[in-house]
């Protein structure tokens, strides 16, 4: 992944993870797997876990510890009302930016 892609992804990854959590609660490795299935194959697990800590501290998710067949209990993250509001704001911002970028891109052609 190029430097520009990495930098842009940093700014949007939180919204992407919140969007993934609208479908159903998930634990860290499961979120990483979902990201990779969506084409974000270069995202390191450590990046995802750091982001999960941040969104938990910001109060955007509820966390429940569930038993695991392998090892210690897993932290399962689910989107709460504050997280849904944040995601809604993310989509508004994304729509605004993507429309402006498309306008700029159209001017170059």
N, C-alpha and C. Protein backbone atom coordinates (compact mmCIF):
# COMPACT_ATOMS: atom_id res chain seq x y z
N UNK A 1 0.85 -1.17 0.00
CA UNK A 1 0.00 0.00 0.00
C UNK A 1 0.90 1.24 0.00
N UNK A 2 0.56 2.20 -0.83
CA UNK A 2 1.35 3.41 -0.93
C UNK A 2 1.15 4.33 0.26
N UNK A 3 2.07 5.29 0.40
CA UNK A 3 2.02 6.23 1.53
C UNK A 3 0.73 7.05 1.52
N UNK A 4 0.31 7.50 0.33
CA UNK A 4 -0.91 8.30 0.24
C UNK A 4 -2.13 7.49 0.69
N UNK A 5 -2.21 6.24 0.25
CA UNK A 5 -3.31 5.37 0.65
C UNK A 5 -3.30 5.15 2.16
N UNK A 6 -2.14 4.93 2.73
CA UNK A 6 -2.01 4.72 4.17
C UNK A 6 -2.51 5.94 4.94
N UNK A 7 -2.11 7.12 4.49
CA UNK A 7 -2.52 8.36 5.18
C UNK A 7 -4.03 8.58 5.07
N UNK A 8 -4.60 8.33 3.90
CA UNK A 8 -6.05 8.50 3.74
C UNK A 8 -6.81 7.49 4.57
N UNK A 9 -6.30 6.28 4.63
CA UNK A 9 -6.94 5.23 5.40
C UNK A 9 -6.95 5.55 6.89
N UNK A 10 -5.88 6.16 7.38
CA UNK A 10 -5.81 6.54 8.79
C UNK A 10 -6.99 7.43 9.17
N UNK A 11 -7.34 8.33 8.27
CA UNK A 11 -8.42 9.27 8.54
C UNK A 11 -9.81 8.67 8.42
N UNK A 12 -9.93 7.52 7.80
CA UNK A 12 -11.26 6.95 7.57
C UNK A 12 -11.48 5.60 8.26
N UNK A 13 -10.43 5.01 8.78
CA UNK A 13 -10.54 3.66 9.33
C UNK A 13 -11.55 3.57 10.48
N UNK A 14 -11.61 4.58 11.32
CA UNK A 14 -12.57 4.55 12.43
C UNK A 14 -13.98 4.42 11.89
N UNK A 15 -14.33 5.24 10.90
CA UNK A 15 -15.66 5.16 10.30
C UNK A 15 -15.92 3.82 9.64
N UNK A 16 -14.91 3.27 8.99
CA UNK A 16 -15.04 1.97 8.34
C UNK A 16 -15.34 0.89 9.38
N UNK A 17 -14.62 0.90 10.49
CA UNK A 17 -14.84 -0.09 11.55
C UNK A 17 -16.22 0.09 12.18
N UNK A 18 -16.62 1.32 12.41
CA UNK A 18 -17.97 1.55 12.95
C UNK A 18 -19.02 1.02 11.99
N UNK A 19 -18.81 1.22 10.69
CA UNK A 19 -19.76 0.71 9.70
C UNK A 19 -19.82 -0.82 9.74
N UNK A 20 -18.68 -1.47 9.90
CA UNK A 20 -18.66 -2.93 10.00
C UNK A 20 -19.45 -3.41 11.21
N UNK A 21 -19.39 -2.65 12.29
CA UNK A 21 -20.07 -3.05 13.53
C UNK A 21 -21.57 -2.81 13.49
N UNK A 22 -22.08 -2.13 12.47
CA UNK A 22 -23.53 -1.97 12.37
C UNK A 22 -24.20 -3.29 12.03
N UNK A 23 -23.47 -4.15 11.35
CA UNK A 23 -24.02 -5.45 10.97
C UNK A 23 -24.22 -6.36 12.17
N UNK A 24 -23.18 -6.49 12.98
CA UNK A 24 -23.27 -7.34 14.17
C UNK A 24 -22.04 -7.11 15.03
N UNK A 25 -22.14 -7.42 16.32
CA UNK A 25 -20.97 -7.30 17.19
C UNK A 25 -19.84 -8.21 16.71
N UNK A 26 -18.61 -7.80 16.98
CA UNK A 26 -17.46 -8.59 16.54
C UNK A 26 -16.29 -8.35 17.49
N UNK A 27 -15.35 -9.30 17.50
CA UNK A 27 -14.12 -9.14 18.29
C UNK A 27 -12.99 -8.74 17.35
N UNK A 28 -11.87 -8.35 17.91
CA UNK A 28 -10.77 -7.76 17.17
C UNK A 28 -10.33 -8.51 15.94
N UNK A 29 -10.01 -9.79 16.09
CA UNK A 29 -9.53 -10.56 14.95
C UNK A 29 -10.61 -10.68 13.88
N UNK A 30 -11.84 -10.81 14.34
CA UNK A 30 -12.98 -10.91 13.41
C UNK A 30 -13.11 -9.61 12.60
N UNK A 31 -12.91 -8.47 13.25
CA UNK A 31 -12.96 -7.17 12.56
C UNK A 31 -11.84 -7.08 11.53
N UNK A 32 -10.65 -7.53 11.91
CA UNK A 32 -9.52 -7.54 10.96
C UNK A 32 -9.86 -8.41 9.75
N UNK A 33 -10.46 -9.56 9.99
CA UNK A 33 -10.86 -10.45 8.90
C UNK A 33 -11.90 -9.80 8.00
N UNK A 34 -12.88 -9.13 8.60
CA UNK A 34 -13.91 -8.44 7.81
C UNK A 34 -13.28 -7.34 6.95
N UNK A 35 -12.33 -6.60 7.52
CA UNK A 35 -11.64 -5.56 6.76
C UNK A 35 -10.92 -6.17 5.56
N UNK A 36 -10.24 -7.26 5.79
CA UNK A 36 -9.50 -7.92 4.70
C UNK A 36 -10.45 -8.43 3.63
N UNK A 37 -11.61 -8.94 4.04
CA UNK A 37 -12.62 -9.40 3.07
C UNK A 37 -13.14 -8.24 2.22
N UNK A 38 -13.11 -7.03 2.78
CA UNK A 38 -13.56 -5.84 2.05
C UNK A 38 -12.45 -5.24 1.20
N UNK A 39 -11.29 -5.87 1.17
CA UNK A 39 -10.19 -5.41 0.32
C UNK A 39 -9.12 -4.62 1.04
N UNK A 40 -9.25 -4.45 2.34
CA UNK A 40 -8.24 -3.72 3.13
C UNK A 40 -7.22 -4.74 3.65
N UNK A 41 -6.52 -5.35 2.73
CA UNK A 41 -5.66 -6.49 3.06
C UNK A 41 -4.37 -6.12 3.77
N UNK A 42 -3.94 -4.87 3.67
CA UNK A 42 -2.66 -4.48 4.25
C UNK A 42 -2.77 -3.92 5.67
N UNK A 43 -3.95 -3.93 6.24
CA UNK A 43 -4.13 -3.38 7.58
C UNK A 43 -3.61 -4.37 8.61
N UNK A 44 -2.69 -3.92 9.45
CA UNK A 44 -2.11 -4.78 10.49
C UNK A 44 -3.09 -4.94 11.65
N UNK A 45 -3.05 -6.12 12.27
CA UNK A 45 -3.91 -6.37 13.43
C UNK A 45 -3.67 -5.33 14.52
N UNK A 46 -2.42 -4.95 14.73
CA UNK A 46 -2.09 -3.97 15.76
C UNK A 46 -2.79 -2.64 15.52
N UNK A 47 -2.94 -2.26 14.27
CA UNK A 47 -3.64 -1.02 13.92
C UNK A 47 -5.10 -1.11 14.33
N UNK A 48 -5.70 -2.25 14.06
CA UNK A 48 -7.11 -2.46 14.40
C UNK A 48 -7.29 -2.46 15.92
N UNK A 49 -6.41 -3.15 16.64
CA UNK A 49 -6.55 -3.20 18.11
C UNK A 49 -6.37 -1.82 18.74
N UNK A 50 -5.44 -1.04 18.22
CA UNK A 50 -5.25 0.33 18.74
C UNK A 50 -6.50 1.17 18.47
N UNK A 51 -7.08 1.00 17.31
CA UNK A 51 -8.30 1.74 16.98
C UNK A 51 -9.45 1.32 17.89
N UNK A 52 -9.55 0.03 18.19
CA UNK A 52 -10.62 -0.45 19.07
C UNK A 52 -10.49 0.14 20.47
N UNK A 53 -9.27 0.27 20.95
CA UNK A 53 -9.04 0.91 22.25
C UNK A 53 -9.54 2.35 22.20
N UNK A 54 -9.22 3.05 21.12
CA UNK A 54 -9.64 4.46 20.99
C UNK A 54 -11.15 4.61 20.94
N UNK A 55 -11.82 3.77 20.13
CA UNK A 55 -13.27 3.94 20.03
C UNK A 55 -13.98 3.50 21.32
N UNK A 56 -13.35 2.58 22.05
CA UNK A 56 -13.90 2.21 23.36
C UNK A 56 -13.75 3.38 24.33
N UNK A 57 -12.58 4.01 24.33
CA UNK A 57 -12.35 5.16 25.23
C UNK A 57 -13.25 6.33 24.88
N UNK A 58 -13.58 6.49 23.61
CA UNK A 58 -14.47 7.57 23.17
C UNK A 58 -15.94 7.27 23.46
N UNK A 59 -16.22 6.05 23.90
CA UNK A 59 -17.59 5.67 24.24
C UNK A 59 -18.47 5.36 23.04
N UNK A 60 -17.86 4.95 21.91
CA UNK A 60 -18.62 4.69 20.69
C UNK A 60 -19.10 3.25 20.57
N UNK A 61 -18.58 2.39 21.43
CA UNK A 61 -18.94 0.96 21.41
C UNK A 61 -19.18 0.47 22.82
N UNK A 62 -19.98 -0.56 22.90
CA UNK A 62 -20.12 -1.30 24.15
C UNK A 62 -19.23 -2.53 24.03
N UNK A 63 -18.63 -2.95 25.13
CA UNK A 63 -17.71 -4.07 25.10
C UNK A 63 -18.19 -5.12 26.08
N UNK A 64 -18.21 -6.36 25.61
CA UNK A 64 -18.62 -7.48 26.44
C UNK A 64 -17.55 -8.56 26.33
N UNK A 65 -17.14 -9.08 27.46
CA UNK A 65 -16.17 -10.18 27.43
C UNK A 65 -16.94 -11.49 27.31
N UNK A 66 -16.55 -12.27 26.28
CA UNK A 66 -17.20 -13.55 26.05
C UNK A 66 -16.15 -14.66 26.08
N UNK A 67 -16.52 -15.82 26.60
CA UNK A 67 -15.56 -16.93 26.65
C UNK A 67 -15.11 -17.32 25.25
N UNK A 68 -13.89 -17.78 25.16
CA UNK A 68 -13.31 -18.23 23.90
C UNK A 68 -12.91 -19.70 24.04
N UNK A 69 -13.05 -20.44 22.93
CA UNK A 69 -12.62 -21.84 22.97
C UNK A 69 -11.10 -21.91 23.11
N UNK A 70 -10.44 -20.89 22.60
CA UNK A 70 -8.97 -20.86 22.61
C UNK A 70 -8.49 -19.66 23.43
N UNK A 71 -8.02 -19.89 24.60
CA UNK A 71 -7.41 -18.81 25.38
C UNK A 71 -8.37 -18.00 26.20
N UNK A 72 -7.94 -16.78 26.53
CA UNK A 72 -8.72 -15.91 27.42
C UNK A 72 -10.01 -15.42 26.76
N UNK A 73 -10.92 -14.85 27.54
CA UNK A 73 -12.16 -14.32 26.96
C UNK A 73 -11.88 -13.25 25.91
N UNK A 74 -12.78 -13.17 24.94
CA UNK A 74 -12.65 -12.17 23.87
C UNK A 74 -13.46 -10.94 24.22
N UNK A 75 -12.94 -9.78 23.84
CA UNK A 75 -13.71 -8.54 23.96
C UNK A 75 -14.52 -8.39 22.68
N UNK A 76 -15.83 -8.40 22.83
CA UNK A 76 -16.71 -8.26 21.68
C UNK A 76 -17.27 -6.83 21.68
N UNK A 77 -17.13 -6.17 20.53
CA UNK A 77 -17.50 -4.77 20.39
C UNK A 77 -18.83 -4.66 19.65
N UNK A 78 -19.72 -3.84 20.19
CA UNK A 78 -20.97 -3.56 19.49
C UNK A 78 -21.21 -2.05 19.48
N UNK A 79 -21.77 -1.60 18.40
CA UNK A 79 -22.03 -0.18 18.22
C UNK A 79 -23.14 0.26 19.16
N UNK A 80 -22.93 1.36 19.87
CA UNK A 80 -23.97 1.90 20.75
C UNK A 80 -24.55 3.17 20.10
N UNK A 81 -25.46 3.85 20.80
CA UNK A 81 -26.11 5.03 20.23
C UNK A 81 -25.11 6.12 19.86
N UNK A 82 -24.14 6.35 20.74
CA UNK A 82 -23.13 7.37 20.45
C UNK A 82 -22.31 6.98 19.21
N UNK A 83 -22.01 5.71 19.08
CA UNK A 83 -21.28 5.21 17.92
C UNK A 83 -22.10 5.36 16.64
N UNK A 84 -23.40 5.12 16.73
CA UNK A 84 -24.28 5.29 15.56
C UNK A 84 -24.32 6.76 15.14
N UNK A 85 -24.36 7.66 16.11
CA UNK A 85 -24.34 9.10 15.79
C UNK A 85 -23.02 9.48 15.13
N UNK A 86 -21.93 8.96 15.65
CA UNK A 86 -20.61 9.22 15.07
C UNK A 86 -20.53 8.68 13.64
N UNK A 87 -21.08 7.49 13.43
CA UNK A 87 -21.08 6.90 12.09
C UNK A 87 -21.93 7.73 11.14
N UNK A 88 -23.06 8.21 11.60
CA UNK A 88 -23.91 9.07 10.77
C UNK A 88 -23.14 10.33 10.36
N UNK A 89 -22.42 10.92 11.29
CA UNK A 89 -21.60 12.11 10.99
C UNK A 89 -20.48 11.76 10.00
N UNK A 90 -19.87 10.58 10.18
CA UNK A 90 -18.84 10.12 9.25
C UNK A 90 -19.39 10.05 7.83
N UNK A 91 -20.60 9.46 7.66
CA UNK A 91 -21.17 9.32 6.32
C UNK A 91 -21.51 10.68 5.72
N UNK A 92 -21.99 11.62 6.53
CA UNK A 92 -22.26 12.98 6.02
C UNK A 92 -20.97 13.62 5.52
N UNK A 93 -19.92 13.50 6.32
CA UNK A 93 -18.62 14.07 5.95
C UNK A 93 -18.09 13.38 4.71
N UNK A 94 -18.17 12.06 4.66
CA UNK A 94 -17.68 11.29 3.52
C UNK A 94 -18.41 11.72 2.24
N UNK A 95 -19.74 11.85 2.32
CA UNK A 95 -20.52 12.25 1.15
C UNK A 95 -20.09 13.63 0.67
N UNK A 96 -19.95 14.56 1.60
CA UNK A 96 -19.52 15.92 1.25
C UNK A 96 -18.17 15.88 0.54
N UNK A 97 -17.19 15.21 1.16
CA UNK A 97 -15.84 15.17 0.58
C UNK A 97 -15.80 14.45 -0.75
N UNK A 98 -16.47 13.30 -0.83
CA UNK A 98 -16.41 12.53 -2.08
C UNK A 98 -17.08 13.28 -3.22
N UNK A 99 -18.15 14.02 -2.95
CA UNK A 99 -18.78 14.83 -4.01
C UNK A 99 -17.84 15.92 -4.49
N UNK A 100 -17.14 16.58 -3.57
CA UNK A 100 -16.20 17.65 -3.96
C UNK A 100 -15.02 17.09 -4.74
N UNK A 101 -14.52 15.94 -4.30
CA UNK A 101 -13.40 15.31 -4.98
C UNK A 101 -13.81 14.89 -6.39
N UNK A 102 -15.00 14.33 -6.53
CA UNK A 102 -15.48 13.94 -7.86
C UNK A 102 -15.61 15.16 -8.77
N UNK A 103 -16.07 16.29 -8.21
CA UNK A 103 -16.15 17.52 -9.01
C UNK A 103 -14.77 17.93 -9.49
N UNK A 104 -13.80 17.89 -8.60
CA UNK A 104 -12.43 18.25 -8.96
C UNK A 104 -11.87 17.28 -10.00
N UNK A 105 -12.14 16.02 -9.82
CA UNK A 105 -11.66 14.99 -10.74
C UNK A 105 -12.28 15.20 -12.12
N UNK A 106 -13.53 15.58 -12.16
CA UNK A 106 -14.22 15.83 -13.44
C UNK A 106 -13.65 17.03 -14.19
N UNK A 107 -13.12 18.01 -13.45
CA UNK A 107 -12.54 19.21 -14.07
C UNK A 107 -11.23 18.90 -14.78
N UNK A 108 -10.55 17.84 -14.34
CA UNK A 108 -9.26 17.50 -14.93
C UNK A 108 -9.42 16.79 -16.26
N UNK A 109 -10.55 16.21 -16.51
CA UNK A 109 -10.73 15.38 -17.71
C UNK A 109 -11.02 16.22 -18.94
